Amino acid sequence: MGKNKISRFIELDSFKNVIQPGLDEIFNTPFRLKGKWRKEYFRNNYPVILELGCGKGEYTVSLAERYPLANFIGVDIKGARIWVGARYAIDHCLNNVAFIRTRVEFIGSFFSINEIDEIWLTFPDPQLKRKRNKKRLTAPVFLEMYSQFLKREGIIHLKTDNRELFDYTRDLALKNKFRIHNITENLYSSEIDGAAKEIKTYYERSFLDKGMNIYYISFSLEHDKKIEESSEG
């Protein structure tokens, strides 16, 4: 491990906006802030919005800057990456930002029914090997997990440069009759506006420089029925 990573890991422990729970705090047990994020952590009653697989937290902090009357939580397992967003939030006095260092597989331990208003999935690993479809963050196993804490009509946003992941998610949404709010195969030539188009990550800008399309879909889940895998899953 490089010296830079080591120093970031050490500094991360001192950041008040970063939560790094031990496995014993989240494995088959509710985390201490579950159901209490607004009251005990953010100390307001604003919406709580997640970015899962947030990497360096570029989207998390950009959303927080644009929407001060909402709370944002970035989730990733890579501490050295989270350090970037957490450091930025501290330096820019963004008190509506938090980061959780954990695997998305444990996310159900952190949030209670109707606690989350929206979820952002920005350029997640497309898990291209067929046998790894269940690892996709839009796979049924994850969507059913999200439905446990995402509000009814709460929106899931997916931005990706990967056509296969986009097609998979679209087909799954259609098969399960999710409400699709927006969908496009070329975000920056579409009429869609708002945060999906206004915020660009470092990697997204590099994709655009190469002439690649950015795919986008936003949808709401059906909370009362089992989610079926798409025919291509």
Protein backbone atom coordinates (compact mmCIF):
# COMPACT_ATOMS: atom_id res chain seq x y z
CA MET A 1 0.00 0.00 0.00
CA GLY A 2 1.39 3.42 -0.98
CA LYS A 3 2.21 6.09 1.58
CA ASN A 4 -0.59 8.29 0.25
CA LYS A 5 -3.19 5.57 0.80
CA ILE A 6 -1.88 4.86 4.29
CA SER A 7 -2.05 8.52 5.27
CA ARG A 8 -5.58 8.78 3.91
CA PHE A 9 -6.72 5.73 5.87
CA ILE A 10 -5.29 7.23 9.04
CA GLU A 11 -6.89 10.63 8.40
CA LEU A 12 -10.21 9.02 7.51
CA ASP A 13 -10.59 7.84 11.11
CA SER A 14 -10.66 11.47 12.24
CA PHE A 15 -13.31 12.61 9.76
CA LYS A 16 -16.63 13.22 11.49
CA ASN A 17 -18.53 12.83 8.20
CA VAL A 18 -17.27 9.27 7.61
CA ILE A 19 -18.75 6.20 9.28
CA GLN A 20 -16.73 2.98 9.21
CA PRO A 21 -18.68 0.33 11.11
CA GLY A 22 -17.20 -2.98 12.10
CA LEU A 23 -18.75 -6.17 10.77
CA ASP A 24 -20.23 -6.90 14.20
CA GLU A 25 -22.20 -3.63 13.98
CA ILE A 26 -23.98 -4.49 10.72
CA PHE A 27 -23.98 -8.26 10.13
CA ASN A 28 -27.56 -9.42 10.69
CA THR A 29 -28.10 -6.52 13.06
CA PRO A 30 -29.40 -2.96 12.62
CA PHE A 31 -26.79 -0.21 12.69
CA ARG A 32 -27.21 2.29 15.55
CA LEU A 33 -28.44 5.08 13.20
CA LYS A 34 -30.98 2.97 11.36
CA GLY A 35 -34.21 4.96 11.24
CA LYS A 36 -32.51 7.91 12.92
CA TRP A 37 -30.42 9.59 10.21
CA ARG A 38 -32.51 12.75 10.01
CA LYS A 39 -32.99 13.20 13.74
CA GLU A 40 -29.66 12.10 15.20
CA TYR A 41 -27.12 12.57 12.42
CA PHE A 42 -28.23 15.41 10.15
CA ARG A 43 -30.50 17.00 12.79
CA ASN A 44 -33.09 18.15 10.27
CA ASN A 45 -36.11 16.75 8.47
CA TYR A 46 -34.82 17.08 4.91
CA PRO A 47 -34.88 14.21 2.38
CA VAL A 48 -32.07 11.65 2.54
CA ILE A 49 -30.53 10.59 -0.77
CA LEU A 50 -27.99 7.81 -1.33
CA GLU A 51 -25.22 7.36 -3.86
CA LEU A 52 -24.25 3.68 -3.87
CA GLY A 53 -20.78 2.76 -5.09
CA CYS A 54 -19.89 6.43 -4.81
CA GLY A 55 -16.15 6.07 -5.44
CA LYS A 56 -14.55 9.43 -4.72
CA GLY A 57 -17.92 10.92 -3.92
CA GLU A 58 -17.96 13.40 -6.80
CA TYR A 59 -21.70 13.02 -7.33
CA THR A 60 -22.46 12.98 -3.63
CA VAL A 61 -20.77 16.31 -2.90
CA SER A 62 -21.97 17.91 -6.16
CA LEU A 63 -25.56 17.03 -5.29
CA ALA A 64 -25.05 18.38 -1.78
CA GLU A 65 -23.78 21.70 -3.15
CA ARG A 66 -26.74 22.05 -5.53
CA TYR A 67 -29.41 20.96 -3.06
CA PRO A 68 -28.65 22.33 0.43
CA LEU A 69 -32.16 21.40 1.64
CA ALA A 70 -31.46 17.69 1.28
CA ASN A 71 -29.06 15.24 2.94
CA PHE A 72 -26.69 13.03 0.95
CA ILE A 73 -24.90 9.82 1.90
CA GLY A 74 -22.22 8.25 -0.28
CA VAL A 75 -21.52 4.55 0.17
CA ASP A 76 -18.39 2.72 -0.94
CA ILE A 77 -16.00 0.10 0.41
CA LYS A 78 -12.83 1.89 -0.74
CA GLY A 79 -11.62 4.15 2.05
CA ALA A 80 -8.95 5.92 -0.02
CA ARG A 81 -11.62 6.91 -2.53
CA ILE A 82 -14.13 8.09 0.07
CA TRP A 83 -11.38 10.27 1.55
CA VAL A 84 -11.53 12.54 -1.53
CA GLY A 85 -15.23 13.36 -1.19
CA ALA A 86 -15.14 13.54 2.60
CA ARG A 87 -12.16 15.92 2.55
CA TYR A 88 -13.92 18.12 -0.01
CA ALA A 89 -17.10 18.22 2.09
CA ILE A 90 -15.12 19.26 5.18
CA ASP A 91 -13.12 21.91 3.32
CA HIS A 92 -16.30 23.37 1.79
CA CYS A 93 -18.39 23.16 4.98
CA LEU A 94 -20.97 20.81 3.48
CA ASN A 95 -22.85 19.69 6.56
CA ASN A 96 -25.47 17.82 4.53
CA VAL A 97 -23.00 15.11 3.47
CA ALA A 98 -21.98 11.82 5.07
CA PHE A 99 -20.09 8.78 3.84
CA ILE A 100 -20.41 5.16 4.89
CA ARG A 101 -17.56 2.77 4.24
CA THR A 102 -19.22 -0.59 3.70
CA ARG A 103 -20.25 -3.05 1.02
CA VAL A 104 -23.58 -2.40 -0.68
CA GLU A 105 -24.59 -5.95 0.32
CA PHE A 106 -24.93 -4.66 3.91
CA ILE A 107 -26.89 -1.51 3.09
CA GLY A 108 -30.13 -2.91 4.52
CA SER A 109 -28.61 -2.75 8.00
CA PHE A 110 -28.33 1.05 7.82
CA PHE A 111 -31.76 2.32 6.81
CA SER A 112 -35.34 1.78 7.91
CA ILE A 113 -38.68 1.73 6.07
CA ASN A 114 -39.31 4.93 4.07
CA GLU A 115 -36.06 6.51 5.28
CA ILE A 116 -34.55 7.09 1.83
CA ASP A 117 -36.01 9.37 -0.84
CA GLU A 118 -33.76 8.63 -3.84
CA ILE A 119 -30.86 6.41 -4.87
CA TRP A 120 -28.16 7.30 -7.39
CA LEU A 121 -26.09 4.64 -9.18
CA THR A 122 -23.44 6.51 -11.13
CA PHE A 123 -21.28 4.37 -13.42
CA PRO A 124 -21.38 1.20 -11.31
CA ASP A 125 -19.40 -1.89 -12.28
CA PRO A 126 -21.51 -3.45 -15.09
CA GLN A 127 -20.46 -6.98 -14.06
CA LEU A 128 -20.28 -8.13 -17.68
CA LYS A 129 -19.68 -11.82 -17.06
CA ARG A 130 -23.08 -13.50 -17.27
CA LYS A 131 -22.60 -15.48 -14.09
CA ARG A 132 -22.08 -12.17 -12.25
CA ASN A 133 -25.42 -10.61 -13.23
CA LYS A 134 -26.63 -10.97 -9.64
CA LYS A 135 -23.79 -8.65 -8.59
CA ARG A 136 -25.19 -5.77 -10.65
CA LEU A 137 -26.54 -2.98 -8.46
CA THR A 138 -29.80 -3.07 -10.44
CA ALA A 139 -30.24 -6.85 -10.08
CA PRO A 140 -33.44 -8.05 -8.34
CA VAL A 141 -31.60 -9.02 -5.17
CA PHE A 142 -30.40 -5.43 -4.75
CA LEU A 143 -33.64 -3.78 -5.87
CA GLU A 144 -35.57 -5.83 -3.30
CA MET A 145 -33.08 -4.68 -0.69
CA TYR A 146 -33.58 -1.04 -1.70
CA SER A 147 -37.36 -1.45 -1.52
CA GLN A 148 -37.03 -2.11 2.20
CA PHE A 149 -36.00 1.49 2.87
CA LEU A 150 -36.76 3.49 -0.31
CA LYS A 151 -39.99 5.49 -0.10
CA ARG A 152 -42.88 4.57 -2.35
CA GLU A 153 -42.37 6.47 -5.58
CA GLY A 154 -38.78 7.08 -4.46
CA ILE A 155 -36.60 7.30 -7.55
CA ILE A 156 -33.60 5.18 -8.54
CA HIS A 157 -31.25 6.87 -11.03
CA LEU A 158 -28.79 4.91 -13.16
CA LYS A 159 -26.11 6.64 -15.24
CA THR A 160 -23.75 4.39 -17.18
CA ASP A 161 -21.53 4.26 -20.23
CA ASN A 162 -22.28 0.54 -20.58
CA ARG A 163 -25.00 -0.42 -23.06
CA GLU A 164 -25.38 -3.93 -21.66
CA LEU A 165 -26.07 -2.70 -18.11
CA PHE A 166 -28.52 -0.11 -19.44
CA ASP A 167 -30.39 -2.68 -21.56
CA TYR A 168 -30.49 -5.12 -18.65
CA THR A 169 -31.92 -2.50 -16.29
CA ARG A 170 -34.45 -1.22 -18.82
CA ASP A 171 -35.67 -4.75 -19.61
CA LEU A 172 -35.97 -5.57 -15.93
CA ALA A 173 -37.93 -2.36 -15.30
CA LEU A 174 -40.30 -3.13 -18.18
CA LYS A 175 -40.84 -6.74 -17.16
CA ASN A 176 -41.68 -5.76 -13.60
CA LYS A 177 -43.81 -2.79 -14.70
CA PHE A 178 -41.79 -0.25 -12.75
CA ARG A 179 -42.75 3.36 -13.31
CA ILE A 180 -40.07 4.78 -15.64
CA HIS A 181 -39.64 8.52 -15.17
CA ASN A 182 -36.91 9.21 -17.74
CA ILE A 183 -34.95 7.05 -20.14
CA THR A 184 -32.44 7.85 -22.88
CA GLU A 185 -29.63 6.20 -24.81
CA ASN A 186 -27.83 9.52 -25.19
CA LEU A 187 -28.27 11.77 -22.16
CA TYR A 188 -26.51 14.83 -23.55
CA SER A 189 -28.56 14.96 -26.72
CA SER A 190 -31.82 14.44 -24.80
CA GLU A 191 -34.20 16.98 -23.31
CA ILE A 192 -33.69 15.57 -19.81
CA ASP A 193 -32.43 18.22 -17.41
CA GLY A 194 -31.50 18.48 -13.76
CA ALA A 195 -28.74 16.76 -11.82
CA ALA A 196 -28.45 13.84 -14.23
CA LYS A 197 -27.13 16.18 -16.91
CA GLU A 198 -25.67 19.00 -14.81
CA ILE A 199 -23.18 16.87 -12.84
CA LYS A 200 -20.33 15.10 -14.62
CA THR A 201 -17.75 12.91 -12.89
CA TYR A 202 -14.11 12.86 -13.97
CA TYR A 203 -14.58 9.54 -15.72
CA GLU A 204 -17.80 10.69 -17.34
CA ARG A 205 -16.02 13.65 -18.91
CA SER A 206 -13.37 11.28 -20.25
CA PHE A 207 -16.09 9.06 -21.76
CA LEU A 208 -17.66 12.09 -23.44
CA ASP A 209 -14.28 13.20 -24.78
CA LYS A 210 -14.04 9.82 -26.48
CA GLY A 211 -17.45 10.31 -28.09
CA MET A 212 -19.15 7.66 -25.95
CA ASN A 213 -22.86 7.80 -25.15
CA ILE A 214 -24.05 8.18 -21.58
CA TYR A 215 -27.15 6.09 -20.88
CA TYR A 216 -29.64 7.13 -18.23
CA ILE A 217 -32.79 5.66 -16.72
CA SER A 218 -34.75 6.68 -13.64
CA PHE A 219 -37.57 4.58 -12.22
CA SER A 220 -39.63 3.76 -9.14
CA LEU A 221 -40.11 0.26 -7.74
CA GLU A 222 -43.25 -1.76 -7.19
CA HIS A 223 -42.98 -2.36 -3.46
CA ASP A 224 -45.62 -5.03 -2.98
CA LYS A 225 -44.45 -7.82 -5.25
CA LYS A 226 -41.40 -9.95 -5.86
CA ILE A 227 -39.03 -8.58 -8.49
CA GLU A 228 -38.44 -10.99 -11.37
CA GLU A 229 -35.20 -11.27 -13.31
CA SER A 230 -35.37 -10.07 -16.91
CA SER A 231 -35.30 -12.66 -19.67
CA GLU A 232 -31.72 -11.59 -20.40
CA GLY A 233 -30.63 -11.99 -16.77
